[in-house]
N, C-alpha and C. Protein backbone atom coordinates (compact mmCIF):
# COMPACT_ATOMS: atom_id res chain seq x y z
N MET A 1 13.44 6.26 -20.56
CA MET A 1 12.95 6.82 -19.22
C MET A 1 11.08 6.10 -18.43
N VAL A 2 10.69 5.74 -18.01
CA VAL A 2 9.23 6.25 -18.15
C VAL A 2 9.13 7.45 -17.22
N LYS A 3 7.67 8.40 -16.96
CA LYS A 3 7.53 8.62 -16.67
C LYS A 3 6.67 7.98 -15.65
N TYR A 4 6.50 8.36 -13.62
CA TYR A 4 5.56 7.90 -13.35
C TYR A 4 4.57 9.40 -12.57
N SER A 5 3.51 9.00 -12.78
CA SER A 5 2.27 9.71 -12.25
C SER A 5 2.94 10.36 -10.58
N LYS A 6 3.51 9.57 -9.63
CA LYS A 6 3.84 10.71 -8.41
C LYS A 6 4.83 10.49 -8.20
N GLU A 7 6.08 11.40 -8.29
CA GLU A 7 7.20 11.23 -7.37
C GLU A 7 7.35 11.70 -6.31
N PRO A 8 8.43 10.55 -5.57
CA PRO A 8 7.85 10.56 -4.23
C PRO A 8 8.96 11.63 -3.18
N GLU A 9 8.94 11.92 -2.19
CA GLU A 9 8.81 13.35 -1.68
C GLU A 9 9.84 13.07 -1.47
N ASN A 10 11.33 11.52 -0.71
CA ASN A 10 12.84 11.59 -0.62
C ASN A 10 13.01 10.55 -1.40
N PRO A 11 12.98 11.35 -2.50
CA PRO A 11 13.42 10.14 -3.56
C PRO A 11 14.86 9.05 -2.96
N THR A 12 15.86 9.89 -1.72
CA THR A 12 16.71 8.81 -1.80
C THR A 12 16.44 7.49 -0.51
N LYS A 13 15.15 7.90 -0.51
CA LYS A 13 14.85 6.97 0.56
C LYS A 13 12.34 6.20 0.08
N SER A 14 13.92 6.13 -0.99
CA SER A 14 12.07 4.51 -1.92
C SER A 14 12.84 4.65 -3.39
N CYS A 15 11.95 3.88 -3.91
CA CYS A 15 12.00 2.82 -4.58
C CYS A 15 10.86 3.07 -5.58
N LYS A 16 11.23 2.15 -6.86
CA LYS A 16 10.09 2.48 -7.86
C LYS A 16 9.76 1.59 -8.56
N ALA A 17 8.59 0.93 -8.52
CA ALA A 17 8.50 -0.56 -9.64
C ALA A 17 7.31 -0.14 -10.89
N ARG A 18 6.57 -0.35 -11.67
CA ARG A 18 6.07 -0.19 -12.72
C ARG A 18 5.97 -1.45 -13.60
N GLY A 19 4.59 -1.52 -14.38
CA GLY A 19 4.19 -2.73 -15.58
C GLY A 19 3.12 -1.54 -15.67
N SER A 20 2.78 -2.35 -17.37
CA SER A 20 2.44 -1.36 -18.42
C SER A 20 2.16 -2.33 -19.65
N ASP A 21 0.86 -2.20 -19.50
CA ASP A 21 -0.09 -3.61 -20.01
C ASP A 21 -0.31 -4.32 -20.46
N LEU A 22 -0.22 -4.70 -18.15
CA LEU A 22 -0.70 -6.50 -18.33
C LEU A 22 -1.50 -6.60 -18.23
N ARG A 23 -2.11 -8.24 -18.78
CA ARG A 23 -2.79 -9.12 -18.86
C ARG A 23 -3.54 -9.72 -17.99
N CYS A 24 -4.26 -8.53 -17.19
CA CYS A 24 -5.73 -8.69 -15.96
C CYS A 24 -6.36 -8.20 -16.31
N HIS A 25 -7.27 -8.41 -14.90
CA HIS A 25 -8.37 -7.59 -14.73
C HIS A 25 -8.01 -6.23 -14.08
N PHE A 26 -8.86 -5.17 -14.46
CA PHE A 26 -8.05 -3.52 -13.15
C PHE A 26 -8.72 -3.61 -12.71
N LYS A 27 -10.33 -3.83 -12.38
CA LYS A 27 -10.76 -3.69 -11.66
C LYS A 27 -10.43 -4.57 -10.53
N ASN A 28 -10.04 -5.62 -10.86
CA ASN A 28 -9.64 -7.31 -9.74
C ASN A 28 -7.97 -5.76 -9.34
N THR A 29 -7.28 -5.77 -10.06
CA THR A 29 -6.17 -5.72 -9.76
C THR A 29 -6.19 -4.21 -8.59
N ARG A 30 -7.36 -3.03 -8.96
CA ARG A 30 -7.62 -1.57 -8.48
C ARG A 30 -8.07 -2.45 -7.04
N GLU A 31 -9.18 -3.30 -6.97
CA GLU A 31 -8.77 -3.56 -5.63
C GLU A 31 -7.47 -4.27 -4.98
N THR A 32 -7.28 -5.23 -5.40
CA THR A 32 -6.12 -5.39 -5.07
C THR A 32 -4.75 -4.54 -4.35
N ALA A 33 -4.99 -3.82 -5.65
CA ALA A 33 -3.35 -2.74 -5.00
C ALA A 33 -4.17 -1.70 -3.63
N HIS A 34 -5.73 -1.45 -3.87
CA HIS A 34 -5.75 -0.63 -2.53
C HIS A 34 -6.25 -1.69 -1.04
N ALA A 35 -6.62 -2.81 -1.46
CA ALA A 35 -6.54 -3.33 0.29
C ALA A 35 -4.93 -3.41 1.20
N ILE A 36 -3.55 -3.39 0.20
CA ILE A 36 -2.09 -3.35 0.07
C ILE A 36 -1.90 -2.37 0.62
N ARG A 37 -2.30 -0.95 0.00
CA ARG A 37 -1.72 0.12 -0.11
C ARG A 37 -1.52 0.54 1.55
N LYS A 38 -0.43 0.94 2.38
CA LYS A 38 -0.40 1.64 2.63
C LYS A 38 0.43 0.77 4.38
N LEU A 39 0.37 -0.80 3.79
CA LEU A 39 0.89 -1.56 4.20
C LEU A 39 2.74 -2.31 4.51
N PRO A 40 2.62 -1.72 5.62
CA PRO A 40 4.83 -2.15 4.93
C PRO A 40 4.77 -3.13 4.31
N LEU A 41 5.47 -3.82 3.88
CA LEU A 41 6.21 -4.97 2.75
C LEU A 41 6.26 -5.80 2.80
N ILE A 42 6.68 -5.91 4.43
CA ILE A 42 6.41 -7.68 4.57
C ILE A 42 5.41 -8.29 4.93
N LYS A 43 3.56 -7.03 5.16
CA LYS A 43 3.05 -7.58 5.66
C LYS A 43 2.19 -7.40 4.03
N ALA A 44 2.46 -6.84 3.26
CA ALA A 44 1.54 -6.78 2.22
C ALA A 44 2.03 -7.84 1.11
N LYS A 45 3.40 -8.71 0.87
CA LYS A 45 3.86 -9.83 0.63
C LYS A 45 2.89 -10.66 1.04
N ARG A 46 3.07 -10.79 2.91
CA ARG A 46 2.58 -12.12 3.33
C ARG A 46 1.07 -12.07 3.18
N TYR A 47 0.38 -10.39 3.01
CA TYR A 47 -1.23 -10.69 2.14
C TYR A 47 -1.41 -11.66 1.74
N LEU A 48 -0.68 -10.58 0.24
CA LEU A 48 -0.58 -11.48 -1.08
C LEU A 48 -1.07 -12.47 -1.07
N GLU A 49 0.41 -13.53 -0.54
CA GLU A 49 0.51 -14.76 -0.15
C GLU A 49 -1.05 -15.18 -0.13
N ASP A 50 -1.13 -14.89 0.97
CA ASP A 50 -2.53 -15.45 1.51
C ASP A 50 -3.55 -15.15 0.92
N VAL A 51 -3.65 -14.39 0.34
CA VAL A 51 -4.84 -14.62 -0.58
C VAL A 51 -4.43 -15.36 -2.06
N LEU A 52 -3.25 -15.92 -2.76
CA LEU A 52 -3.20 -16.53 -3.76
C LEU A 52 -3.80 -18.61 -2.48
N VAL A 53 -3.24 -18.85 -1.79
CA VAL A 53 -3.89 -19.32 -1.31
C VAL A 53 -5.55 -19.84 -0.42
N HIS A 54 -5.99 -18.58 -0.60
CA HIS A 54 -6.66 -18.49 -0.60
C HIS A 54 -7.77 -18.39 0.97
N LYS A 55 -6.43 -18.38 2.02
CA LYS A 55 -6.64 -17.52 3.63
C LYS A 55 -6.72 -16.81 4.05
N GLN A 56 -7.11 -15.63 3.65
CA GLN A 56 -7.25 -14.11 3.36
C GLN A 56 -8.01 -13.59 1.98
N ALA A 57 -9.35 -13.21 2.41
CA ALA A 57 -10.04 -12.38 0.69
C ALA A 57 -9.10 -11.38 0.58
N ILE A 58 -9.68 -10.21 -0.53
CA ILE A 58 -9.63 -8.91 -0.36
C ILE A 58 -10.91 -8.81 -1.29
N PRO A 59 -10.92 -6.97 -0.11
CA PRO A 59 -12.05 -7.24 -0.05
C PRO A 59 -12.94 -5.72 -1.10
N PHE A 60 -13.73 -6.32 -1.80
CA PHE A 60 -13.71 -5.12 -2.79
C PHE A 60 -15.03 -4.19 -2.57
N THR A 61 -14.77 -3.05 -2.66
CA THR A 61 -15.12 -1.84 -2.31
C THR A 61 -15.65 -1.10 -3.31
N ARG A 62 -15.08 -0.60 -4.10
CA ARG A 62 -15.66 -0.03 -5.72
C ARG A 62 -16.28 -0.31 -6.96
N PHE A 63 -15.39 -2.14 -6.99
CA PHE A 63 -16.44 -2.43 -8.34
C PHE A 63 -16.86 -3.67 -7.30
N CYS A 64 -17.90 -4.31 -6.61
CA CYS A 64 -18.55 -5.24 -5.95
C CYS A 64 -20.11 -5.55 -6.79
N ARG A 65 -20.35 -5.40 -7.46
CA ARG A 65 -21.28 -5.21 -8.30
C ARG A 65 -21.75 -7.19 -8.38
N GLY A 66 -22.33 -7.67 -8.30
CA GLY A 66 -22.53 -9.05 -8.60
C GLY A 66 -21.27 -10.12 -8.10
N VAL A 67 -20.25 -9.56 -6.70
CA VAL A 67 -19.72 -9.79 -5.99
C VAL A 67 -20.44 -10.41 -4.53
N GLY A 68 -19.64 -11.97 -4.28
CA GLY A 68 -20.41 -12.95 -3.18
C GLY A 68 -20.40 -12.09 -2.27
N ARG A 69 -20.11 -12.09 -1.00
CA ARG A 69 -20.11 -11.93 0.42
C ARG A 69 -19.02 -12.68 1.16
N THR A 70 -18.72 -13.52 1.94
CA THR A 70 -17.32 -14.23 2.43
C THR A 70 -16.62 -13.39 4.11
N ALA A 71 -16.90 -14.12 4.62
CA ALA A 71 -16.49 -13.30 6.22
C ALA A 71 -15.41 -12.89 5.98
N GLN A 72 -13.92 -13.86 5.55
CA GLN A 72 -12.75 -13.07 5.28
C GLN A 72 -13.30 -12.81 5.08
N ALA A 73 -13.72 -10.92 3.80
CA ALA A 73 -13.93 -9.80 3.65
C ALA A 73 -14.07 -8.95 5.02
N LYS A 74 -15.09 -9.59 5.39
CA LYS A 74 -15.99 -8.86 6.61
C LYS A 74 -14.46 -8.45 7.58
N ASN A 75 -13.68 -9.35 7.96
CA ASN A 75 -13.21 -9.40 8.66
C ASN A 75 -12.06 -6.93 8.57
N ARG A 76 -11.51 -7.08 6.92
CA ARG A 76 -11.60 -6.20 6.90
C ARG A 76 -11.69 -5.24 5.96
N HIS A 77 -13.31 -5.48 5.44
CA HIS A 77 -14.28 -4.13 5.67
C HIS A 77 -15.45 -5.09 5.67
N SER A 78 -16.17 -3.35 6.22
CA SER A 78 -17.66 -3.51 6.58
C SER A 78 -19.30 -4.00 5.69
N ASN A 79 -18.71 -4.20 4.14
CA ASN A 79 -19.55 -4.43 3.52
C ASN A 79 -19.73 -6.27 3.24
N GLY A 80 -17.99 -6.54 3.35
CA GLY A 80 -18.07 -8.55 3.12
C GLY A 80 -18.14 -8.97 1.82
N GLN A 81 -17.98 -8.56 0.81
CA GLN A 81 -17.69 -8.46 -0.48
C GLN A 81 -16.76 -8.71 -0.81
N GLY A 82 -16.29 -10.25 -1.09
CA GLY A 82 -14.77 -10.01 -0.96
C GLY A 82 -14.80 -11.65 -2.20
N ARG A 83 -13.66 -11.65 -2.58
CA ARG A 83 -12.47 -12.80 -4.12
C ARG A 83 -10.91 -12.25 -3.09
N TRP A 84 -10.48 -13.58 -4.60
CA TRP A 84 -9.08 -14.30 -4.20
C TRP A 84 -8.27 -14.03 -5.33
N PRO A 85 -8.01 -12.69 -5.89
CA PRO A 85 -8.61 -12.51 -7.33
C PRO A 85 -7.03 -12.90 -8.23
N ALA A 86 -6.70 -14.16 -7.97
CA ALA A 86 -5.12 -14.63 -7.54
C ALA A 86 -4.03 -14.20 -8.43
N LYS A 87 -4.65 -13.88 -10.12
CA LYS A 87 -3.58 -12.93 -10.96
C LYS A 87 -3.17 -11.83 -10.41
N SER A 88 -4.09 -11.29 -10.23
CA SER A 88 -3.32 -9.85 -10.15
C SER A 88 -2.91 -9.58 -9.07
N ALA A 89 -3.46 -10.16 -7.99
CA ALA A 89 -2.14 -10.96 -6.98
C ALA A 89 -0.60 -10.85 -6.81
N LYS A 90 -0.95 -12.31 -8.16
CA LYS A 90 0.69 -12.75 -8.35
C LYS A 90 1.19 -11.09 -9.43
N PHE A 91 0.22 -10.96 -9.77
CA PHE A 91 1.80 -9.43 -10.58
C PHE A 91 2.07 -8.16 -9.47
N ILE A 92 1.15 -8.25 -8.57
CA ILE A 92 1.54 -6.86 -7.81
C ILE A 92 2.28 -7.52 -7.31
N LEU A 93 2.60 -9.40 -6.69
CA LEU A 93 3.59 -9.44 -5.55
C LEU A 93 4.96 -9.44 -6.36
N ASP A 94 4.98 -9.77 -7.81
CA ASP A 94 5.83 -9.38 -8.26
C ASP A 94 6.85 -8.16 -8.64
N LEU A 95 5.97 -6.95 -8.54
CA LEU A 95 5.79 -6.36 -8.92
C LEU A 95 6.42 -5.97 -7.39
N LEU A 96 6.26 -6.18 -6.28
CA LEU A 96 6.60 -5.94 -4.93
C LEU A 96 8.04 -6.55 -4.30
N LYS A 97 8.08 -7.52 -5.37
CA LYS A 97 9.16 -8.76 -5.39
C LYS A 97 10.49 -7.77 -6.01
N ASN A 98 10.44 -7.44 -7.18
CA ASN A 98 10.67 -6.37 -8.26
C ASN A 98 11.74 -4.84 -7.05
N ALA A 99 9.72 -4.38 -6.69
CA ALA A 99 10.43 -3.42 -6.17
C ALA A 99 11.62 -3.21 -4.71
N GLU A 100 10.80 -4.49 -4.38
CA GLU A 100 12.13 -4.84 -2.91
C GLU A 100 13.80 -5.04 -3.70
N SER A 101 14.15 -5.66 -4.57
CA SER A 101 15.89 -5.58 -4.78
C SER A 101 15.60 -4.47 -4.97
N GLN A 102 15.35 -3.36 -5.75
CA GLN A 102 15.78 -2.23 -6.07
C GLN A 102 15.79 -1.07 -4.46
N ARG A 103 15.38 -1.82 -3.57
CA ARG A 103 15.71 -0.83 -2.18
C ARG A 103 16.32 -1.27 -1.76
N VAL A 104 17.52 -0.63 -0.82
CA VAL A 104 18.97 -0.24 -0.28
C VAL A 104 18.26 -0.62 1.12
N GLY A 105 18.08 -0.63 1.81
CA GLY A 105 17.89 -0.60 3.49
C GLY A 105 17.21 -0.10 4.33
N CYS A 106 15.76 0.00 3.29
CA CYS A 106 14.69 1.02 4.20
C CYS A 106 13.27 0.53 4.64
N GLY A 107 13.04 0.96 5.28
CA GLY A 107 11.91 0.22 6.00
C GLY A 107 10.76 0.04 4.75
N CYS A 108 9.90 0.04 3.97
CA CYS A 108 8.98 0.48 3.19
C CYS A 108 7.37 0.27 3.11
N SER A 109 6.71 1.14 2.44
CA SER A 109 5.66 0.89 2.81
C SER A 109 5.61 1.04 1.13
N PRO A 110 4.08 0.39 0.35
CA PRO A 110 3.59 0.66 -1.24
C PRO A 110 2.79 2.17 -1.30
N TYR A 111 2.71 2.32 -2.02
CA TYR A 111 1.78 3.02 -1.93
C TYR A 111 1.54 2.92 -3.62
N LEU A 112 0.56 2.94 -3.80
CA LEU A 112 -0.24 2.04 -4.73
C LEU A 112 -0.86 3.28 -6.33
N PRO A 113 -0.57 4.06 -6.79
CA PRO A 113 -1.32 5.47 -8.09
C PRO A 113 -2.67 3.27 -8.66
N HIS A 114 -3.25 3.33 -9.31
CA HIS A 114 -3.17 2.27 -10.00
C HIS A 114 -4.18 2.73 -11.04
N SER A 115 -4.16 1.97 -12.00
CA SER A 115 -4.83 1.66 -13.63
C SER A 115 -4.72 3.81 -14.18
N ALA A 116 -4.52 4.10 -14.56
CA ALA A 116 -4.33 5.29 -14.43
C ALA A 116 -5.18 5.33 -15.95
N TYR A 117 -5.40 5.00 -16.41
CA TYR A 117 -6.56 5.42 -17.71
C TYR A 117 -7.52 4.39 -17.34
N MET A 118 -7.37 3.63 -16.79
CA MET A 118 -8.82 2.72 -16.79
C MET A 118 -9.07 1.92 -17.83
N SER A 119 -7.67 1.38 -19.09
CA SER A 119 -7.68 0.71 -19.31
C SER A 119 -8.36 -1.35 -19.24
N SER A 120 -8.60 -1.53 -20.48
CA SER A 120 -7.82 -2.70 -20.27
C SER A 120 -7.23 -3.73 -19.75
N PRO A 121 -6.10 -3.48 -20.38
CA PRO A 121 -4.62 -3.87 -20.09
C PRO A 121 -4.68 -2.93 -18.78
N CYS A 122 -3.73 -3.78 -17.76
CA CYS A 122 -3.94 -2.82 -16.38
C CYS A 122 -3.01 -2.44 -16.75
N HIS A 123 -2.44 -1.24 -16.04
CA HIS A 123 -1.25 -0.52 -15.46
C HIS A 123 -0.83 0.49 -13.94
N ILE A 124 0.10 -0.56 -13.54
CA ILE A 124 0.40 -0.57 -12.28
C ILE A 124 1.96 0.37 -11.84
N GLU A 125 1.73 2.08 -10.68
CA GLU A 125 3.58 1.43 -10.72
C GLU A 125 2.56 1.76 -8.79
N LEU A 126 4.37 1.42 -8.25
CA LEU A 126 4.77 0.73 -6.77
C LEU A 126 5.21 1.66 -6.48
N THR A 127 5.27 2.36 -5.29
CA THR A 127 6.37 3.27 -4.87
C THR A 127 6.17 2.47 -3.61
N LEU A 128 7.96 2.40 -3.10
CA LEU A 128 8.27 1.87 -1.85
C LEU A 128 9.05 3.15 -1.34
N SER A 129 7.95 3.51 0.26
CA SER A 129 9.35 4.35 0.58
C SER A 129 9.40 4.13 2.09
N GLU A 130 10.14 4.96 3.09
CA GLU A 130 10.87 4.55 4.42
C GLU A 130 9.50 5.12 4.75
N LYS A 131 9.03 5.09 6.03
CA LYS A 131 8.14 5.49 6.92
C LYS A 131 8.99 6.22 8.11
N GLU A 132 8.94 7.94 8.12
CA GLU A 132 9.02 8.61 8.72
C GLU A 132 8.97 8.92 10.20
N GLU A 133 10.21 8.20 11.08
CA GLU A 133 9.43 8.22 12.26
C GLU A 133 10.12 9.89 12.98
N PRO A 134 8.70 10.90 14.02
CA PRO A 134 8.86 11.70 14.10
C PRO A 134 10.23 11.51 15.37
N VAL A 135 11.15 12.70 15.89
CA VAL A 135 11.86 13.28 16.49
C VAL A 135 11.42 13.54 17.99
N LYS A 136 11.78 12.30 18.87
CA LYS A 136 10.93 12.61 19.66
C LYS A 136 11.21 13.52 21.46
N LYS A 137 10.66 14.09 21.99
CA LYS A 137 10.58 15.68 22.60
C LYS A 137 11.86 15.05 23.93
N GLU A 138 12.79 15.68 24.22
CA GLU A 138 13.22 15.60 25.05
C GLU A 138 12.30 15.99 26.32
N ALA A 139 12.39 15.05 27.76
CA ALA A 139 11.52 15.18 28.70
C ALA A 139 12.14 16.38 29.39
N GLU A 140 11.34 18.04 29.68
CA GLU A 140 11.60 18.66 29.93
C GLU A 140 11.63 18.45 31.70
N THR A 141 12.79 18.42 32.57
CA THR A 141 12.63 18.53 33.23
C THR A 141 12.75 19.26 34.31
N GLN A 142 14.28 20.16 33.74
CA GLN A 142 14.89 21.33 34.21
C GLN A 142 13.76 22.73 33.83
N LEU A 143 12.80 22.68 34.02
CA LEU A 143 11.87 23.86 33.32
C LEU A 143 12.66 25.15 34.51
N ALA A 144 12.60 26.38 34.22
CA ALA A 144 12.31 27.67 35.32
C ALA A 144 11.57 27.79 35.66
N PRO A 145 11.17 27.92 36.78
CA PRO A 145 9.85 28.61 37.68
C PRO A 145 9.57 29.85 36.53
N ARG A 146 7.74 29.65 36.53
CA ARG A 146 7.19 30.75 35.43
C ARG A 146 6.55 31.66 37.00
N LYS A 147 7.00 33.19 36.42
CA LYS A 147 6.17 33.86 37.67
C LYS A 147 4.94 34.22 37.44
N ASN A 148 4.32 34.13 37.89
CA ASN A 148 2.78 35.09 37.88
C ASN A 148 2.66 36.38 37.03
N LYS A 149 1.69 37.46 37.39
CA LYS A 149 2.15 39.03 37.48
C LYS A 149 2.04 39.58 38.38
N ASN A 150 0.90 38.55 39.20
CA ASN A 150 1.38 39.47 41.52
C ASN A 150 2.62 39.00 41.81
N GLN A 151 3.53 38.12 40.64
CA GLN A 151 4.96 38.58 41.81
C GLN A 151 5.95 39.23 40.40
N ALA A 152 5.53 39.60 39.84
CA ALA A 152 6.57 40.24 38.90
C ALA A 152 5.88 41.99 39.79
C-alpha cells in the first residue's frame, strides 16, 4: 500500500488516485494540476478535454519564463502566459477518470498535491472529496419579545 502525503478529512466521502514516475514534465504537470485545483470533477474533466483540443489554455504562474502570452490564458490569470501541455493533461485526465471510477456517488472536487519531490519523472497524488454543504439556519419567526432594562 502506498502512503499519501495528505489524508482526507472525511475518508468515507473521498477517493484517491496516484501516479508515480510518470514520463512527463513536472513543471507542466504542476501548472496543469494547479489550474484544476478546487474545481468540481465534471468541470475539471471538461477543462482538460478543452486543453487537449486547444480550446482553453493552462495559465503558467510559477514556471513561466519563456512562456508566450495567449488570450485564452488571460481569461484565467492576469499575466496571460499559457500553454497547452497535452501529455500532462492526458495523464491527469486519466487519473481523474481512475479516481472517478472509485468514488461511490459523491459530488467530488479534486485536491492535488503535485510533484512532491520535484524530480524529473513526475509524481501526482489526487484526492477527490465531496463538497460539504452547510446546514441552513431555520428562519426564526416566533421570537420572544426582548425586554429592555427600563421595562424590567
